[in-house]
N, C-alpha and C. Protein backbone atom coordinates (compact mmCIF):
# COMPACT_ATOMS: atom_id res chain seq x y z
N UNK A 1 86.99 108.00 94.25
CA UNK A 1 87.42 107.70 95.59
C UNK A 1 86.49 106.63 96.15
N UNK A 2 87.04 105.60 96.75
CA UNK A 2 86.26 104.50 97.29
C UNK A 2 85.73 104.88 98.67
N UNK A 3 84.46 104.62 98.87
CA UNK A 3 83.83 104.89 100.16
C UNK A 3 84.37 103.89 101.17
N UNK A 4 84.75 104.37 102.33
CA UNK A 4 85.26 103.49 103.37
C UNK A 4 84.16 103.23 104.39
N UNK A 5 84.03 102.01 104.83
CA UNK A 5 83.12 101.69 105.91
C UNK A 5 83.71 100.51 106.66
N UNK A 6 83.26 100.34 107.88
CA UNK A 6 83.82 99.28 108.72
C UNK A 6 83.28 97.93 108.30
N UNK A 7 84.16 96.97 108.29
CA UNK A 7 83.80 95.58 108.04
C UNK A 7 84.42 94.76 109.15
N UNK A 8 83.66 93.89 109.73
CA UNK A 8 84.17 93.04 110.80
C UNK A 8 84.46 91.66 110.23
N UNK A 9 85.69 91.22 110.38
CA UNK A 9 86.05 89.87 109.97
C UNK A 9 86.09 89.04 111.24
N UNK A 10 85.22 88.06 111.30
CA UNK A 10 85.13 87.22 112.48
C UNK A 10 85.76 85.87 112.15
N UNK A 11 86.86 85.57 112.81
CA UNK A 11 87.57 84.31 112.59
C UNK A 11 88.01 83.81 113.96
N UNK A 12 87.26 82.89 114.50
CA UNK A 12 87.56 82.45 115.86
C UNK A 12 87.31 83.60 116.80
N UNK A 13 88.31 83.96 117.59
CA UNK A 13 88.16 85.06 118.54
C UNK A 13 88.65 86.39 117.97
N UNK A 14 89.17 86.38 116.73
CA UNK A 14 89.72 87.60 116.14
C UNK A 14 88.63 88.42 115.46
N UNK A 15 88.72 89.72 115.61
CA UNK A 15 87.85 90.64 114.88
C UNK A 15 88.73 91.75 114.33
N UNK A 16 88.52 92.09 113.07
CA UNK A 16 89.31 93.14 112.43
C UNK A 16 88.38 94.09 111.71
N UNK A 17 88.73 95.36 111.68
CA UNK A 17 88.01 96.34 110.87
C UNK A 17 88.88 96.67 109.67
N UNK A 18 88.30 96.57 108.48
CA UNK A 18 89.04 96.94 107.28
C UNK A 18 88.12 97.73 106.35
N UNK A 19 88.69 98.43 105.41
CA UNK A 19 87.89 99.24 104.49
C UNK A 19 87.32 98.38 103.37
N UNK A 20 86.30 98.89 102.73
CA UNK A 20 85.69 98.21 101.59
C UNK A 20 86.73 98.03 100.48
N UNK A 21 87.56 99.05 100.28
CA UNK A 21 88.58 98.99 99.24
C UNK A 21 89.53 97.81 99.48
N UNK A 22 89.93 97.61 100.72
CA UNK A 22 90.86 96.51 101.02
C UNK A 22 90.19 95.17 100.77
N UNK A 23 88.93 95.05 101.12
CA UNK A 23 88.20 93.80 100.85
C UNK A 23 88.14 93.56 99.35
N UNK A 24 87.79 94.61 98.59
CA UNK A 24 87.70 94.46 97.14
C UNK A 24 89.05 94.06 96.56
N UNK A 25 90.11 94.65 97.06
CA UNK A 25 91.45 94.33 96.56
C UNK A 25 91.79 92.88 96.87
N UNK A 26 91.52 92.45 98.08
CA UNK A 26 91.82 91.07 98.46
C UNK A 26 90.99 90.10 97.64
N UNK A 27 89.74 90.44 97.43
CA UNK A 27 88.88 89.55 96.67
C UNK A 27 89.27 89.54 95.20
N UNK A 28 89.68 90.67 94.68
CA UNK A 28 90.11 90.72 93.29
C UNK A 28 91.33 89.84 93.07
N UNK A 29 92.19 89.75 94.06
CA UNK A 29 93.39 88.92 93.90
C UNK A 29 93.03 87.44 93.85
N UNK A 30 91.86 87.07 94.37
CA UNK A 30 91.46 85.67 94.39
C UNK A 30 90.57 85.31 93.21
N UNK A 31 89.95 86.28 92.56
CA UNK A 31 88.91 86.01 91.59
C UNK A 31 89.38 86.25 90.17
N UNK A 32 89.56 85.20 89.41
CA UNK A 32 89.97 85.33 88.01
C UNK A 32 88.84 85.91 87.16
N UNK A 33 87.60 85.71 87.58
CA UNK A 33 86.46 86.16 86.78
C UNK A 33 86.31 87.67 86.78
N UNK A 34 86.96 88.36 87.70
CA UNK A 34 86.80 89.80 87.80
C UNK A 34 88.15 90.52 87.83
N UNK A 35 88.93 90.40 86.77
CA UNK A 35 90.19 91.16 86.78
C UNK A 35 89.91 92.64 86.64
N UNK A 36 90.76 93.45 87.23
CA UNK A 36 90.59 94.89 87.10
C UNK A 36 90.96 95.33 85.70
N UNK A 37 90.25 96.33 85.16
CA UNK A 37 90.65 96.89 83.87
C UNK A 37 92.04 97.51 83.99
N UNK A 38 92.74 97.62 82.87
CA UNK A 38 94.10 98.14 82.87
C UNK A 38 94.16 99.53 83.50
N UNK A 39 93.13 100.38 83.24
CA UNK A 39 93.12 101.72 83.79
C UNK A 39 93.17 101.70 85.31
N UNK A 40 92.58 100.67 85.91
CA UNK A 40 92.53 100.60 87.37
C UNK A 40 93.79 100.01 87.96
N UNK A 41 94.49 99.22 87.20
CA UNK A 41 95.65 98.54 87.76
C UNK A 41 96.94 99.31 87.59
N UNK A 42 96.95 100.31 86.75
CA UNK A 42 98.17 101.06 86.54
C UNK A 42 97.94 102.55 86.76
N UNK A 43 98.87 103.18 87.44
CA UNK A 43 98.80 104.62 87.61
C UNK A 43 99.47 105.28 86.42
N UNK A 44 99.49 106.59 86.39
CA UNK A 44 100.11 107.30 85.26
C UNK A 44 101.60 107.04 85.17
N UNK A 45 102.23 106.70 86.26
CA UNK A 45 103.67 106.44 86.24
C UNK A 45 103.98 104.97 86.00
N UNK A 46 102.97 104.17 85.69
CA UNK A 46 103.20 102.76 85.38
C UNK A 46 103.30 101.86 86.59
N UNK A 47 102.99 102.39 87.77
CA UNK A 47 103.04 101.57 88.98
C UNK A 47 101.62 101.10 89.29
N UNK A 48 101.47 99.97 89.98
CA UNK A 48 100.12 99.53 90.33
C UNK A 48 99.39 100.60 91.14
N UNK A 49 98.14 100.86 90.75
CA UNK A 49 97.34 101.86 91.45
C UNK A 49 96.82 101.31 92.78
N UNK A 50 96.69 100.00 92.87
CA UNK A 50 96.20 99.38 94.08
C UNK A 50 97.26 98.45 94.64
N UNK A 51 97.35 98.41 95.94
CA UNK A 51 98.31 97.52 96.59
C UNK A 51 97.58 96.78 97.70
N UNK A 52 97.64 95.48 97.67
CA UNK A 52 97.00 94.67 98.71
C UNK A 52 97.96 94.59 99.87
N UNK A 53 97.51 95.08 101.02
CA UNK A 53 98.40 95.15 102.17
C UNK A 53 98.12 94.09 103.22
N UNK A 54 97.01 93.42 103.11
CA UNK A 54 96.67 92.44 104.13
C UNK A 54 96.53 91.05 103.56
N UNK A 55 96.20 90.10 104.41
CA UNK A 55 96.05 88.72 103.96
C UNK A 55 94.80 88.55 103.10
N UNK A 56 94.81 87.53 102.25
CA UNK A 56 93.63 87.23 101.45
C UNK A 56 92.53 86.70 102.36
N UNK A 57 91.30 86.90 101.94
CA UNK A 57 90.16 86.50 102.75
C UNK A 57 89.47 85.33 102.07
N UNK A 58 89.28 84.24 102.79
CA UNK A 58 88.56 83.08 102.28
C UNK A 58 87.12 83.20 102.78
N UNK A 59 86.21 83.60 101.90
CA UNK A 59 84.83 83.84 102.30
C UNK A 59 84.11 82.58 102.76
N UNK A 60 84.58 81.43 102.33
CA UNK A 60 83.94 80.19 102.76
C UNK A 60 84.39 79.77 104.15
N UNK A 61 85.63 80.12 104.51
CA UNK A 61 86.18 79.72 105.81
C UNK A 61 85.96 80.78 106.88
N UNK A 62 85.92 82.05 106.48
CA UNK A 62 85.77 83.13 107.45
C UNK A 62 84.45 83.85 107.23
N UNK A 63 83.84 84.26 108.32
CA UNK A 63 82.61 85.04 108.25
C UNK A 63 83.00 86.51 108.18
N UNK A 64 82.58 87.17 107.10
CA UNK A 64 82.89 88.58 106.91
C UNK A 64 81.58 89.35 106.88
N UNK A 65 81.47 90.35 107.76
CA UNK A 65 80.26 91.17 107.84
C UNK A 65 80.60 92.61 107.51
N UNK A 66 79.69 93.28 106.80
CA UNK A 66 79.92 94.70 106.54
C UNK A 66 79.43 95.51 107.73
N UNK A 67 79.49 96.83 107.63
CA UNK A 67 79.15 97.68 108.77
C UNK A 67 77.69 97.58 109.18
N UNK A 68 76.84 97.07 108.28
CA UNK A 68 75.43 96.91 108.60
C UNK A 68 75.11 95.51 109.11
N UNK A 69 76.15 94.69 109.24
CA UNK A 69 75.95 93.33 109.74
C UNK A 69 75.60 92.32 108.67
N UNK A 70 75.63 92.71 107.40
CA UNK A 70 75.32 91.79 106.31
C UNK A 70 76.56 90.96 105.98
N UNK A 71 76.32 89.68 105.74
CA UNK A 71 77.45 88.81 105.41
C UNK A 71 77.95 89.10 104.00
N UNK A 72 79.27 89.13 103.87
CA UNK A 72 79.90 89.33 102.57
C UNK A 72 80.08 87.95 101.94
N UNK A 73 79.33 87.71 100.85
CA UNK A 73 79.45 86.45 100.12
C UNK A 73 79.80 86.76 98.67
N UNK A 74 79.78 85.76 97.82
CA UNK A 74 80.19 85.98 96.43
C UNK A 74 79.26 86.96 95.71
N UNK A 75 77.97 86.92 96.00
CA UNK A 75 77.04 87.87 95.38
C UNK A 75 77.37 89.30 95.81
N UNK A 76 77.69 89.48 97.08
CA UNK A 76 78.09 90.80 97.60
C UNK A 76 79.33 91.29 96.87
N UNK A 77 80.30 90.39 96.72
CA UNK A 77 81.54 90.73 96.03
C UNK A 77 81.26 91.12 94.58
N UNK A 78 80.40 90.34 93.90
CA UNK A 78 80.07 90.65 92.51
C UNK A 78 79.44 92.03 92.38
N UNK A 79 78.54 92.37 93.30
CA UNK A 79 77.92 93.71 93.27
C UNK A 79 78.96 94.79 93.52
N UNK A 80 79.85 94.56 94.49
CA UNK A 80 80.89 95.55 94.80
C UNK A 80 81.82 95.74 93.61
N UNK A 81 82.20 94.65 92.97
CA UNK A 81 83.08 94.75 91.81
C UNK A 81 82.41 95.46 90.66
N UNK A 82 81.12 95.20 90.47
CA UNK A 82 80.38 95.89 89.41
C UNK A 82 80.37 97.40 89.67
N UNK A 83 80.19 97.79 90.93
CA UNK A 83 80.22 99.22 91.29
C UNK A 83 81.59 99.82 91.02
N UNK A 84 82.64 99.09 91.36
CA UNK A 84 84.00 99.58 91.14
C UNK A 84 84.26 99.74 89.64
N UNK A 85 83.90 98.73 88.85
CA UNK A 85 84.11 98.79 87.41
C UNK A 85 83.32 99.94 86.79
N UNK A 86 82.09 100.15 87.27
CA UNK A 86 81.27 101.26 86.77
C UNK A 86 81.91 102.60 87.11
N UNK A 87 82.41 102.73 88.33
CA UNK A 87 83.06 103.97 88.74
C UNK A 87 84.32 104.22 87.92
N UNK A 88 85.09 103.18 87.66
CA UNK A 88 86.31 103.32 86.86
C UNK A 88 85.96 103.73 85.44
N UNK A 89 84.91 103.12 84.89
CA UNK A 89 84.51 103.45 83.52
C UNK A 89 84.09 104.91 83.41
N UNK A 90 83.46 105.44 84.45
CA UNK A 90 83.04 106.85 84.44
C UNK A 90 84.24 107.78 84.45
N UNK A 91 85.33 107.35 85.13
CA UNK A 91 86.50 108.22 85.27
C UNK A 91 87.55 107.97 84.20
N UNK A 92 87.38 106.95 83.38
CA UNK A 92 88.42 106.61 82.40
C UNK A 92 88.59 107.71 81.37
N UNK A 93 89.81 107.88 80.93
CA UNK A 93 90.09 108.84 79.86
C UNK A 93 90.50 110.19 80.38
N UNK A 94 90.90 111.02 79.46
CA UNK A 94 91.36 112.37 79.79
C UNK A 94 90.20 113.35 79.67
N UNK A 95 90.36 114.53 80.26
CA UNK A 95 89.31 115.55 80.11
C UNK A 95 89.13 115.92 78.64
N UNK A 96 87.93 116.30 78.29
CA UNK A 96 87.63 116.68 76.92
C UNK A 96 88.40 117.94 76.53
N UNK A 97 88.90 117.96 75.31
CA UNK A 97 89.61 119.14 74.80
C UNK A 97 88.64 120.24 74.40
N UNK A 98 87.35 119.93 74.34
CA UNK A 98 86.35 120.93 73.96
C UNK A 98 86.03 121.88 75.09
N UNK A 99 86.43 121.53 76.31
CA UNK A 99 86.11 122.35 77.47
C UNK A 99 84.72 122.08 78.00
N UNK A 100 84.01 121.18 77.36
CA UNK A 100 82.65 120.82 77.78
C UNK A 100 82.66 119.36 78.22
N UNK A 101 81.53 118.92 78.66
CA UNK A 101 81.40 117.53 79.10
C UNK A 101 80.97 116.66 77.91
N UNK A 102 81.81 116.62 76.89
CA UNK A 102 81.51 115.80 75.72
C UNK A 102 82.82 115.24 75.17
N UNK A 103 82.71 114.26 74.30
CA UNK A 103 83.90 113.64 73.72
C UNK A 103 84.60 114.61 72.79
N UNK A 104 85.93 114.58 72.83
CA UNK A 104 86.73 115.37 71.89
C UNK A 104 86.70 114.69 70.53
N UNK A 105 86.72 115.48 69.45
CA UNK A 105 86.80 114.86 68.12
C UNK A 105 88.07 114.01 68.03
N UNK A 106 88.01 112.97 67.24
CA UNK A 106 89.10 112.00 67.16
C UNK A 106 89.58 111.89 65.71
N UNK A 107 90.89 111.95 65.51
CA UNK A 107 91.51 111.77 64.20
C UNK A 107 92.51 110.64 64.31
N UNK A 108 92.51 109.75 63.34
CA UNK A 108 93.47 108.65 63.39
C UNK A 108 94.11 108.49 62.01
N UNK A 109 95.37 108.11 62.00
CA UNK A 109 96.08 107.87 60.74
C UNK A 109 97.18 106.86 60.99
N UNK A 110 97.65 106.25 59.92
CA UNK A 110 98.67 105.21 60.01
C UNK A 110 100.05 105.81 59.78
N UNK A 111 101.04 105.25 60.49
CA UNK A 111 102.43 105.67 60.33
C UNK A 111 103.31 104.43 60.29
N UNK A 112 104.54 104.61 59.86
CA UNK A 112 105.48 103.48 59.81
C UNK A 112 105.95 103.15 61.23
N UNK A 113 106.40 101.93 61.45
CA UNK A 113 106.94 101.57 62.77
C UNK A 113 108.12 102.46 63.18
N UNK A 114 108.93 102.84 62.21
CA UNK A 114 110.08 103.70 62.52
C UNK A 114 109.62 105.07 63.02
N UNK A 115 108.62 105.65 62.34
CA UNK A 115 108.10 106.95 62.75
C UNK A 115 107.46 106.86 64.14
N UNK A 116 106.76 105.77 64.39
CA UNK A 116 106.14 105.59 65.71
C UNK A 116 107.21 105.51 66.79
N UNK A 117 108.27 104.76 66.53
CA UNK A 117 109.37 104.64 67.51
C UNK A 117 110.00 106.00 67.77
N UNK A 118 110.22 106.79 66.71
CA UNK A 118 110.79 108.14 66.88
C UNK A 118 109.85 109.03 67.69
N UNK A 119 108.54 108.93 67.40
CA UNK A 119 107.55 109.73 68.13
C UNK A 119 107.53 109.35 69.60
N UNK A 120 107.57 108.05 69.90
CA UNK A 120 107.58 107.59 71.29
C UNK A 120 108.83 108.07 72.02
N UNK A 121 109.98 107.99 71.35
CA UNK A 121 111.24 108.44 71.95
C UNK A 121 111.18 109.94 72.24
N UNK A 122 110.72 110.72 71.26
CA UNK A 122 110.62 112.17 71.44
C UNK A 122 109.65 112.51 72.57
N UNK A 123 108.53 111.82 72.62
CA UNK A 123 107.55 112.06 73.69
C UNK A 123 108.16 111.77 75.05
N UNK A 124 108.89 110.66 75.17
CA UNK A 124 109.55 110.34 76.44
C UNK A 124 110.54 111.43 76.83
N UNK A 125 111.33 111.87 75.87
CA UNK A 125 112.33 112.92 76.14
C UNK A 125 111.68 114.22 76.59
N UNK A 126 110.51 114.52 76.03
CA UNK A 126 109.82 115.77 76.37
C UNK A 126 108.87 115.60 77.56
N UNK A 127 108.74 114.38 78.05
CA UNK A 127 107.87 114.13 79.19
C UNK A 127 106.40 114.31 78.85
N UNK A 128 106.01 113.90 77.67
CA UNK A 128 104.63 114.05 77.22
C UNK A 128 104.16 112.74 76.59
N UNK A 129 103.00 112.76 75.97
CA UNK A 129 102.47 111.58 75.31
C UNK A 129 102.60 111.74 73.80
N UNK A 130 102.52 110.62 73.10
CA UNK A 130 102.57 110.66 71.64
C UNK A 130 101.36 111.43 71.11
N UNK A 131 100.20 111.27 71.74
CA UNK A 131 99.01 112.00 71.30
C UNK A 131 99.21 113.50 71.40
N UNK A 132 99.74 113.96 72.52
CA UNK A 132 99.96 115.40 72.68
C UNK A 132 101.00 115.90 71.69
N UNK A 133 102.05 115.12 71.48
CA UNK A 133 103.08 115.48 70.51
C UNK A 133 102.48 115.60 69.11
N UNK A 134 101.66 114.62 68.72
CA UNK A 134 101.03 114.63 67.40
C UNK A 134 100.06 115.81 67.27
N UNK A 135 99.31 116.10 68.34
CA UNK A 135 98.37 117.22 68.33
C UNK A 135 99.11 118.53 68.09
N UNK A 136 100.23 118.72 68.82
CA UNK A 136 101.02 119.94 68.67
C UNK A 136 101.60 120.06 67.26
N UNK A 137 102.11 118.95 66.71
CA UNK A 137 102.68 118.97 65.36
C UNK A 137 101.59 119.28 64.33
N UNK A 138 100.42 118.71 64.52
CA UNK A 138 99.29 118.94 63.61
C UNK A 138 98.87 120.42 63.66
N UNK A 139 98.80 120.98 64.87
CA UNK A 139 98.45 122.40 65.02
C UNK A 139 99.48 123.29 64.33
N UNK A 140 100.77 123.00 64.52
CA UNK A 140 101.83 123.80 63.88
C UNK A 140 101.73 123.71 62.36
N UNK A 141 101.49 122.50 61.85
CA UNK A 141 101.38 122.31 60.40
C UNK A 141 100.21 123.11 59.83
N UNK A 142 99.07 123.04 60.48
CA UNK A 142 97.88 123.74 59.98
C UNK A 142 97.99 125.25 60.15
N UNK A 143 98.78 125.71 61.12
CA UNK A 143 98.96 127.15 61.34
C UNK A 143 99.89 127.77 60.30
N UNK A 144 100.70 126.95 59.64
CA UNK A 144 101.67 127.51 58.67
C UNK A 144 101.05 127.74 57.31
């Protein structure tokens, strides 16, 4: 969850309060050097996880101050983006199957394109993932 704090955008006589998340989103839309990782840009249903609702901010033309009165410049943006990317990296992935705070063991194998297509279709029909489908099939096979 992104921490919200007041930011004052001073542009002529206008002043606006916006959240840190909205600033990051607006800045991300302008900065090719800091694209969001795929995990951050897509929700589980395939829709964008973030939506920019306001106008883009030109840091060179507009004075942007955070809640402590510090000017938001490119260095500030870089630090904020690094924090966001670090937070996303901490949350990436599914919970461990071990029930502990450690990585689940990983098994990988090759299949034909036809088998993969059938597995993807079956997973869609069952409302699950190919990984979960494969895990269940593997468990059934080993139990027999």
